[in-house]
Amino acid sequence: QMSLRTFYRRLREQARWCRPRLIAKGDPDHDTVCATIRERIAALPTGSVVLAEDETHLDLLARVRACWMPTGVRHHILTPGSNIRRTVHGAINLATGAWHHHVSVKNVSVVFCYFLGQLLDAYPDAPVVAVLCDNGSTHHSGITRRWLAAHPRLLLIEGAKYSPQDNPVERVWAGLKHHLANTAPATMADRIRQAHAYFRGRTPTQTLATAAPWTSPWLPEDYGQDFWPGA
């Protein structure tokens, strides 16, 4: 009969104690959906603007990540006691790298439509402002559908389900969260100012390089060829 010590020794030889990894189940129609998106973008009239859009959250509670510390010292980061959260809507122009964002108290359809209105106002001469996004509930709610019907110049295109990796804005959020990590502002207003400062401090070229839209399956092969080499 195997001893308990021998059992654990053999277990450690064949296995390790670690956390499982969560993965999205994926969309079985992913390739078909992306091919349709590419066709719709390629068919846009001359002068149209294409943007990718997404939402994220700002938390007053610090996002703690690994960092360098002197040996024998462990940094302490204050917690706010109770967390406060705000929503950030963001969109990047996939040809120029121009960045647009809006901070709100909640992620609701009315705020999403307000942000879409801001995008329309930013490109008054574009015959179509195409906005690529995920399948969030606010993107196809009744409020949003009615708003889109009243603003035909804005074309909202939803990507494949469970495919956040397709959205270039996800990489912009990653940069923002890295910038905010391990910081503990006193108020939510200070946290929002941190986010605004981060976006103000980045040029369109830097934002475009971070987002790397040419890696997204949403875009036709020839889209943005003028900026690919520089990025």
C-alpha atoms as a PDB file:
ATOM      1  CA  GLN A   1       0.000   0.000   0.000  1.00  0.00           C
ATOM      2  CA  MET A   2       1.319   3.442  -0.999  1.00  0.00           C
ATOM      3  CA  SER A   3       2.112   5.819   1.862  1.00  0.00           C
ATOM      4  CA  LEU A   4       0.604   9.286   1.932  1.00  0.00           C
ATOM      5  CA  ARG A   5       4.060  10.838   1.548  1.00  0.00           C
ATOM      6  CA  THR A   6       4.770   8.742  -1.544  1.00  0.00           C
ATOM      7  CA  PHE A   7       1.374   9.644  -2.985  1.00  0.00           C
ATOM      8  CA  TYR A   8       2.026  13.391  -2.693  1.00  0.00           C
ATOM      9  CA  ARG A   9       5.536  13.034  -4.060  1.00  0.00           C
ATOM     10  CA  ARG A  10       4.217  11.276  -7.155  1.00  0.00           C
ATOM     11  CA  LEU A  11       1.375  13.771  -7.429  1.00  0.00           C
ATOM     12  CA  ARG A  12       3.855  16.666  -7.514  1.00  0.00           C
ATOM     13  CA  GLU A  13       5.811  14.879 -10.220  1.00  0.00           C
ATOM     14  CA  GLN A  14       2.763  14.667 -12.468  1.00  0.00           C
ATOM     15  CA  ALA A  15       0.695  17.709 -11.512  1.00  0.00           C
ATOM     16  CA  ARG A  16       0.872  21.238 -10.156  1.00  0.00           C
ATOM     17  CA  TRP A  17      -1.404  23.377  -7.994  1.00  0.00           C
ATOM     18  CA  CYS A  18      -2.672  26.311 -10.057  1.00  0.00           C
ATOM     19  CA  ARG A  19      -5.772  28.266 -10.927  1.00  0.00           C
ATOM     20  CA  PRO A  20      -7.914  27.194 -13.902  1.00  0.00           C
ATOM     21  CA  ARG A  21      -8.157  29.661 -16.764  1.00  0.00           C
ATOM     22  CA  LEU A  22     -11.496  31.082 -17.850  1.00  0.00           C
ATOM     23  CA  ILE A  23     -12.032  31.130 -21.627  1.00  0.00           C
ATOM     24  CA  ALA A  24     -14.920  32.326 -23.745  1.00  0.00           C
ATOM     25  CA  LYS A  25     -16.846  29.643 -25.586  1.00  0.00           C
ATOM     26  CA  GLY A  26     -16.486  31.481 -28.898  1.00  0.00           C
ATOM     27  CA  ASP A  27     -18.929  32.100 -31.706  1.00  0.00           C
ATOM     28  CA  PRO A  28     -19.340  29.159 -34.120  1.00  0.00           C
ATOM     29  CA  ASP A  29     -20.177  31.704 -36.834  1.00  0.00           C
ATOM     30  CA  HIS A  30     -17.154  33.901 -36.091  1.00  0.00           C
ATOM     31  CA  ASP A  31     -15.507  33.673 -39.505  1.00  0.00           C
ATOM     32  CA  THR A  32     -18.774  34.269 -41.361  1.00  0.00           C
ATOM     33  CA  VAL A  33     -19.634  37.290 -39.203  1.00  0.00           C
ATOM     34  CA  CYS A  34     -16.184  38.823 -39.719  1.00  0.00           C
ATOM     35  CA  ALA A  35     -16.330  38.234 -43.472  1.00  0.00           C
ATOM     36  CA  THR A  36     -19.678  40.051 -43.599  1.00  0.00           C
ATOM     37  CA  ILE A  37     -18.214  42.965 -41.616  1.00  0.00           C
ATOM     38  CA  ARG A  38     -15.311  43.248 -44.043  1.00  0.00           C
ATOM     39  CA  GLU A  39     -17.720  43.320 -46.975  1.00  0.00           C
ATOM     40  CA  ARG A  40     -19.844  46.036 -45.354  1.00  0.00           C
ATOM     41  CA  ILE A  41     -16.798  48.197 -44.652  1.00  0.00           C
ATOM     42  CA  ALA A  42     -15.480  47.750 -48.183  1.00  0.00           C
ATOM     43  CA  ALA A  43     -18.858  48.838 -49.569  1.00  0.00           C
ATOM     44  CA  LEU A  44     -19.008  52.118 -47.609  1.00  0.00           C
ATOM     45  CA  PRO A  45     -19.172  55.291 -49.713  1.00  0.00           C
ATOM     46  CA  THR A  46     -16.040  57.364 -50.194  1.00  0.00           C
ATOM     47  CA  GLY A  47     -15.304  59.629 -47.246  1.00  0.00           C
ATOM     48  CA  SER A  48     -16.920  57.360 -44.676  1.00  0.00           C
ATOM     49  CA  VAL A  49     -15.342  56.967 -41.247  1.00  0.00           C
ATOM     50  CA  VAL A  50     -14.835  53.630 -39.502  1.00  0.00           C
ATOM     51  CA  LEU A  51     -14.429  53.474 -35.732  1.00  0.00           C
ATOM     52  CA  ALA A  52     -14.157  50.655 -33.210  1.00  0.00           C
ATOM     53  CA  GLU A  53     -16.056  51.184 -29.949  1.00  0.00           C
ATOM     54  CA  ASP A  54     -16.068  49.521 -26.553  1.00  0.00           C
ATOM     55  CA  GLU A  55     -16.779  50.167 -22.879  1.00  0.00           C
ATOM     56  CA  THR A  56     -14.770  49.608 -19.724  1.00  0.00           C
ATOM     57  CA  HIS A  57     -14.970  50.601 -16.066  1.00  0.00           C
ATOM     58  CA  LEU A  58     -12.972  52.905 -13.840  1.00  0.00           C
ATOM     59  CA  ASP A  59     -12.819  51.760 -10.214  1.00  0.00           C
ATOM     60  CA  LEU A  60     -11.754  53.846  -7.247  1.00  0.00           C
ATOM     61  CA  LEU A  61     -10.393  50.614  -5.748  1.00  0.00           C
ATOM     62  CA  ALA A  62      -6.846  50.235  -7.026  1.00  0.00           C
ATOM     63  CA  ARG A  63      -5.999  47.510  -9.538  1.00  0.00           C
ATOM     64  CA  VAL A  64      -3.028  45.829  -7.857  1.00  0.00           C
ATOM     65  CA  ARG A  65      -0.344  44.413 -10.127  1.00  0.00           C
ATOM     66  CA  ALA A  66       3.167  43.152  -9.669  1.00  0.00           C
ATOM     67  CA  CYS A  67       5.889  45.803  -9.616  1.00  0.00           C
ATOM     68  CA  TRP A  68       9.506  46.222  -8.538  1.00  0.00           C
ATOM     69  CA  MET A  69      10.046  46.678  -4.798  1.00  0.00           C
ATOM     70  CA  PRO A  70      13.218  46.816  -2.666  1.00  0.00           C
ATOM     71  CA  THR A  71      14.092  43.486  -1.098  1.00  0.00           C
ATOM     72  CA  GLY A  72      12.383  43.149   2.262  1.00  0.00           C
ATOM     73  CA  VAL A  73       9.836  45.891   1.503  1.00  0.00           C
ATOM     74  CA  ARG A  74       6.252  45.423   0.365  1.00  0.00           C
ATOM     75  CA  HIS A  75       4.327  48.443  -0.851  1.00  0.00           C
ATOM     76  CA  HIS A  76       0.988  49.193   0.779  1.00  0.00           C
ATOM     77  CA  ILE A  77      -1.839  50.674  -1.307  1.00  0.00           C
ATOM     78  CA  LEU A  78      -4.804  52.161   0.512  1.00  0.00           C
ATOM     79  CA  THR A  79      -8.305  50.932  -0.263  1.00  0.00           C
ATOM     80  CA  PRO A  80     -11.206  53.407  -0.425  1.00  0.00           C
ATOM     81  CA  GLY A  81     -13.329  51.423   2.051  1.00  0.00           C
ATOM     82  CA  SER A  82     -16.095  50.949  -0.499  1.00  0.00           C
ATOM     83  CA  ASN A  83     -15.574  50.896  -4.227  1.00  0.00           C
ATOM     84  CA  ILE A  84     -17.006  53.457  -6.662  1.00  0.00           C
ATOM     85  CA  ARG A  85     -17.317  52.656 -10.356  1.00  0.00           C
ATOM     86  CA  ARG A  86     -17.741  54.708 -13.510  1.00  0.00           C
ATOM     87  CA  THR A  87     -18.160  53.631 -17.141  1.00  0.00           C
ATOM     88  CA  VAL A  88     -15.937  54.792 -19.989  1.00  0.00           C
ATOM     89  CA  HIS A  89     -17.149  54.614 -23.584  1.00  0.00           C
ATOM     90  CA  GLY A  90     -14.284  54.824 -26.058  1.00  0.00           C
ATOM     91  CA  ALA A  91     -13.851  54.750 -29.828  1.00  0.00           C
ATOM     92  CA  ILE A  92     -10.828  54.878 -32.109  1.00  0.00           C
ATOM     93  CA  ASN A  93     -10.763  56.026 -35.715  1.00  0.00           C
ATOM     94  CA  LEU A  94      -9.263  52.991 -37.447  1.00  0.00           C
ATOM     95  CA  ALA A  95      -7.588  55.100 -40.140  1.00  0.00           C
ATOM     96  CA  THR A  96      -6.176  58.050 -38.192  1.00  0.00           C
ATOM     97  CA  GLY A  97      -5.923  56.882 -34.586  1.00  0.00           C
ATOM     98  CA  ALA A  98      -8.090  59.760 -33.336  1.00  0.00           C
ATOM     99  CA  TRP A  99      -9.517  58.825 -29.943  1.00  0.00           C
ATOM    100  CA  HIS A 100     -12.931  59.703 -28.507  1.00  0.00           C
ATOM    101  CA  HIS A 101     -14.197  58.863 -25.025  1.00  0.00           C
ATOM    102  CA  HIS A 102     -16.906  59.727 -22.532  1.00  0.00           C
ATOM    103  CA  VAL A 103     -17.185  58.967 -18.795  1.00  0.00           C
ATOM    104  CA  SER A 104     -20.586  58.287 -17.257  1.00  0.00           C
ATOM    105  CA  VAL A 105     -22.073  57.016 -14.020  1.00  0.00           C
ATOM    106  CA  LYS A 106     -23.619  53.926 -15.622  1.00  0.00           C
ATOM    107  CA  ASN A 107     -23.469  51.955 -18.848  1.00  0.00           C
ATOM    108  CA  VAL A 108     -27.032  52.395 -20.076  1.00  0.00           C
ATOM    109  CA  SER A 109     -28.563  52.758 -23.546  1.00  0.00           C
ATOM    110  CA  VAL A 110     -29.186  56.495 -23.202  1.00  0.00           C
ATOM    111  CA  VAL A 111     -25.505  57.121 -22.480  1.00  0.00           C
ATOM    112  CA  PHE A 112     -24.437  54.862 -25.337  1.00  0.00           C
ATOM    113  CA  CYS A 113     -26.655  56.813 -27.739  1.00  0.00           C
ATOM    114  CA  TYR A 114     -25.267  60.089 -26.394  1.00  0.00           C
ATOM    115  CA  PHE A 115     -21.760  58.846 -27.162  1.00  0.00           C
ATOM    116  CA  LEU A 116     -22.805  57.808 -30.670  1.00  0.00           C
ATOM    117  CA  GLY A 117     -24.130  61.340 -31.104  1.00  0.00           C
ATOM    118  CA  GLN A 118     -20.722  62.689 -30.117  1.00  0.00           C
ATOM    119  CA  LEU A 119     -19.114  60.510 -32.782  1.00  0.00           C
ATOM    120  CA  LEU A 120     -21.524  61.833 -35.409  1.00  0.00           C
ATOM    121  CA  ASP A 121     -20.749  65.411 -34.392  1.00  0.00           C
ATOM    122  CA  ALA A 122     -17.014  64.716 -34.649  1.00  0.00           C
ATOM    123  CA  TYR A 123     -17.368  63.793 -38.353  1.00  0.00           C
ATOM    124  CA  PRO A 124     -20.044  66.125 -39.777  1.00  0.00           C
ATOM    125  CA  ASP A 125     -18.898  65.691 -43.386  1.00  0.00           C
ATOM    126  CA  ALA A 126     -18.702  61.891 -43.437  1.00  0.00           C
ATOM    127  CA  PRO A 127     -21.538  60.315 -45.442  1.00  0.00           C
ATOM    128  CA  VAL A 128     -21.461  57.334 -43.053  1.00  0.00           C
ATOM    129  CA  VAL A 129     -19.927  56.919 -39.616  1.00  0.00           C
ATOM    130  CA  ALA A 130     -19.573  53.156 -39.149  1.00  0.00           C
ATOM    131  CA  VAL A 131     -19.080  52.041 -35.543  1.00  0.00           C
ATOM    132  CA  LEU A 132     -17.892  48.482 -34.887  1.00  0.00           C
ATOM    133  CA  CYS A 133     -18.717  47.088 -31.455  1.00  0.00           C
ATOM    134  CA  ASP A 134     -19.435  43.916 -29.514  1.00  0.00           C
ATOM    135  CA  ASN A 135     -22.816  42.444 -28.634  1.00  0.00           C
ATOM    136  CA  GLY A 136     -23.463  44.335 -25.417  1.00  0.00           C
ATOM    137  CA  SER A 137     -27.127  44.667 -24.485  1.00  0.00           C
ATOM    138  CA  THR A 138     -27.090  48.458 -24.843  1.00  0.00           C
ATOM    139  CA  HIS A 139     -25.983  48.075 -28.477  1.00  0.00           C
ATOM    140  CA  HIS A 140     -29.256  46.531 -29.615  1.00  0.00           C
ATOM    141  CA  SER A 141     -31.762  47.690 -26.993  1.00  0.00           C
ATOM    142  CA  GLY A 142     -35.047  49.292 -28.023  1.00  0.00           C
ATOM    143  CA  ILE A 143     -33.722  52.735 -27.068  1.00  0.00           C
ATOM    144  CA  THR A 144     -30.643  52.260 -29.247  1.00  0.00           C
ATOM    145  CA  ARG A 145     -32.619  50.900 -32.218  1.00  0.00           C
ATOM    146  CA  ARG A 146     -34.940  53.903 -32.129  1.00  0.00           C
ATOM    147  CA  TRP A 147     -31.980  56.287 -31.902  1.00  0.00           C
ATOM    148  CA  LEU A 148     -30.292  54.616 -34.894  1.00  0.00           C
ATOM    149  CA  ALA A 149     -33.497  54.851 -36.924  1.00  0.00           C
ATOM    150  CA  ALA A 150     -33.527  58.599 -36.299  1.00  0.00           C
ATOM    151  CA  HIS A 151     -29.822  58.968 -37.221  1.00  0.00           C
ATOM    152  CA  PRO A 152     -29.305  56.974 -40.445  1.00  0.00           C
ATOM    153  CA  ARG A 153     -25.833  58.438 -41.016  1.00  0.00           C
ATOM    154  CA  LEU A 154     -24.515  56.259 -38.176  1.00  0.00           C
ATOM    155  CA  LEU A 155     -24.091  52.591 -39.053  1.00  0.00           C
ATOM    156  CA  LEU A 156     -23.696  50.321 -36.026  1.00  0.00           C
ATOM    157  CA  ILE A 157     -22.088  46.949 -36.778  1.00  0.00           C
ATOM    158  CA  GLU A 158     -21.893  44.259 -34.119  1.00  0.00           C
ATOM    159  CA  GLY A 159     -19.068  41.732 -34.239  1.00  0.00           C
ATOM    160  CA  ALA A 160     -19.059  38.026 -33.468  1.00  0.00           C
ATOM    161  CA  LYS A 161     -20.240  36.929 -30.035  1.00  0.00           C
ATOM    162  CA  TYR A 162     -17.715  36.131 -27.306  1.00  0.00           C
ATOM    163  CA  SER A 163     -14.856  37.581 -29.372  1.00  0.00           C
ATOM    164  CA  PRO A 164     -13.361  40.531 -27.454  1.00  0.00           C
ATOM    165  CA  GLN A 165      -9.981  39.849 -29.075  1.00  0.00           C
ATOM    166  CA  ASP A 166     -11.388  41.189 -32.354  1.00  0.00           C
ATOM    167  CA  ASN A 167     -11.915  44.685 -30.932  1.00  0.00           C
ATOM    168  CA  PRO A 168      -8.859  47.008 -31.139  1.00  0.00           C
ATOM    169  CA  VAL A 169     -10.218  49.130 -28.277  1.00  0.00           C
ATOM    170  CA  GLU A 170      -9.570  46.267 -25.863  1.00  0.00           C
ATOM    171  CA  ARG A 171      -5.853  46.928 -26.297  1.00  0.00           C
ATOM    172  CA  VAL A 172      -6.375  50.623 -25.533  1.00  0.00           C
ATOM    173  CA  TRP A 173      -8.129  49.644 -22.300  1.00  0.00           C
ATOM    174  CA  ALA A 174      -5.198  47.391 -21.415  1.00  0.00           C
ATOM    175  CA  GLY A 175      -2.834  50.362 -21.723  1.00  0.00           C
ATOM    176  CA  LEU A 176      -5.100  52.537 -19.598  1.00  0.00           C
ATOM    177  CA  LYS A 177      -5.403  49.929 -16.842  1.00  0.00           C
ATOM    178  CA  HIS A 178      -1.639  49.419 -16.819  1.00  0.00           C
ATOM    179  CA  HIS A 179      -1.249  53.175 -16.375  1.00  0.00           C
ATOM    180  CA  LEU A 180      -3.742  53.260 -13.486  1.00  0.00           C
ATOM    181  CA  ALA A 181      -2.459  50.134 -11.735  1.00  0.00           C
ATOM    182  CA  ASN A 182      -1.226  50.439  -8.142  1.00  0.00           C
ATOM    183  CA  THR A 183      -2.450  54.029  -7.785  1.00  0.00           C
ATOM    184  CA  ALA A 184      -4.878  55.094  -5.057  1.00  0.00           C
ATOM    185  CA  PRO A 185      -6.438  58.532  -5.721  1.00  0.00           C
ATOM    186  CA  ALA A 186      -8.464  60.059  -2.913  1.00  0.00           C
ATOM    187  CA  THR A 187     -11.681  60.533  -4.884  1.00  0.00           C
ATOM    188  CA  MET A 188     -13.446  59.217  -7.976  1.00  0.00           C
ATOM    189  CA  ALA A 189     -12.976  62.637  -9.571  1.00  0.00           C
ATOM    190  CA  ASP A 190      -9.220  62.140  -9.223  1.00  0.00           C
ATOM    191  CA  ARG A 191      -9.454  58.716 -10.859  1.00  0.00           C
ATOM    192  CA  ILE A 192     -11.379  60.198 -13.780  1.00  0.00           C
ATOM    193  CA  ARG A 193      -8.762  62.952 -14.121  1.00  0.00           C
ATOM    194  CA  GLN A 194      -6.098  60.231 -14.312  1.00  0.00           C
ATOM    195  CA  ALA A 195      -7.931  58.628 -17.224  1.00  0.00           C
ATOM    196  CA  HIS A 196      -8.413  61.930 -19.056  1.00  0.00           C
ATOM    197  CA  ALA A 197      -4.718  62.748 -18.570  1.00  0.00           C
ATOM    198  CA  TYR A 198      -3.698  59.371 -19.969  1.00  0.00           C
ATOM    199  CA  PHE A 199      -5.676  59.890 -23.165  1.00  0.00           C
ATOM    200  CA  ARG A 200      -4.535  63.516 -23.548  1.00  0.00           C
ATOM    201  CA  GLY A 201      -0.916  62.421 -23.232  1.00  0.00           C
ATOM    202  CA  ARG A 202      -1.064  60.006 -26.146  1.00  0.00           C
ATOM    203  CA  THR A 203      -0.829  60.998 -29.793  1.00  0.00           C
ATOM    204  CA  PRO A 204      -3.063  59.426 -32.451  1.00  0.00           C
ATOM    205  CA  THR A 205      -0.025  57.543 -33.749  1.00  0.00           C
ATOM    206  CA  GLN A 206       0.647  56.072 -30.308  1.00  0.00           C
ATOM    207  CA  THR A 207      -2.993  55.130 -29.846  1.00  0.00           C
ATOM    208  CA  LEU A 208      -3.089  53.526 -33.280  1.00  0.00           C
ATOM    209  CA  ALA A 209       0.049  51.513 -32.534  1.00  0.00           C
ATOM    210  CA  THR A 210      -1.450  50.325 -29.243  1.00  0.00           C
ATOM    211  CA  ALA A 211      -4.782  49.366 -30.799  1.00  0.00           C
ATOM    212  CA  ALA A 212      -3.125  47.661 -33.803  1.00  0.00           C
ATOM    213  CA  PRO A 213      -6.374  47.596 -35.828  1.00  0.00           C
ATOM    214  CA  TRP A 214      -4.705  45.880 -38.785  1.00  0.00           C
ATOM    215  CA  THR A 215      -4.641  42.695 -36.676  1.00  0.00           C
ATOM    216  CA  SER A 216      -8.429  42.693 -36.342  1.00  0.00           C
ATOM    217  CA  PRO A 217     -10.465  40.358 -38.582  1.00  0.00           C
ATOM    218  CA  TRP A 218     -12.999  43.180 -38.951  1.00  0.00           C
ATOM    219  CA  LEU A 219     -10.987  45.063 -41.575  1.00  0.00           C
ATOM    220  CA  PRO A 220     -10.570  44.378 -45.309  1.00  0.00           C
ATOM    221  CA  GLU A 221      -7.004  43.598 -46.324  1.00  0.00           C
ATOM    222  CA  ASP A 222      -6.487  46.936 -48.058  1.00  0.00           C
ATOM    223  CA  TYR A 223      -8.033  49.087 -45.317  1.00  0.00           C
ATOM    224  CA  GLY A 224      -5.591  51.559 -43.787  1.00  0.00           C
ATOM    225  CA  GLN A 225      -2.628  50.594 -45.928  1.00  0.00           C
ATOM    226  CA  ASP A 226      -1.440  54.199 -45.694  1.00  0.00           C
ATOM    227  CA  PHE A 227      -0.760  53.901 -41.967  1.00  0.00           C
ATOM    228  CA  TRP A 228       0.246  50.253 -41.506  1.00  0.00           C
ATOM    229  CA  PRO A 229       3.963  50.732 -42.296  1.00  0.00           C
ATOM    230  CA  GLY A 230       4.284  53.694 -39.920  1.00  0.00           C
ATOM    231  CA  ALA A 231       2.664  51.782 -37.068  1.00  0.00           C
END
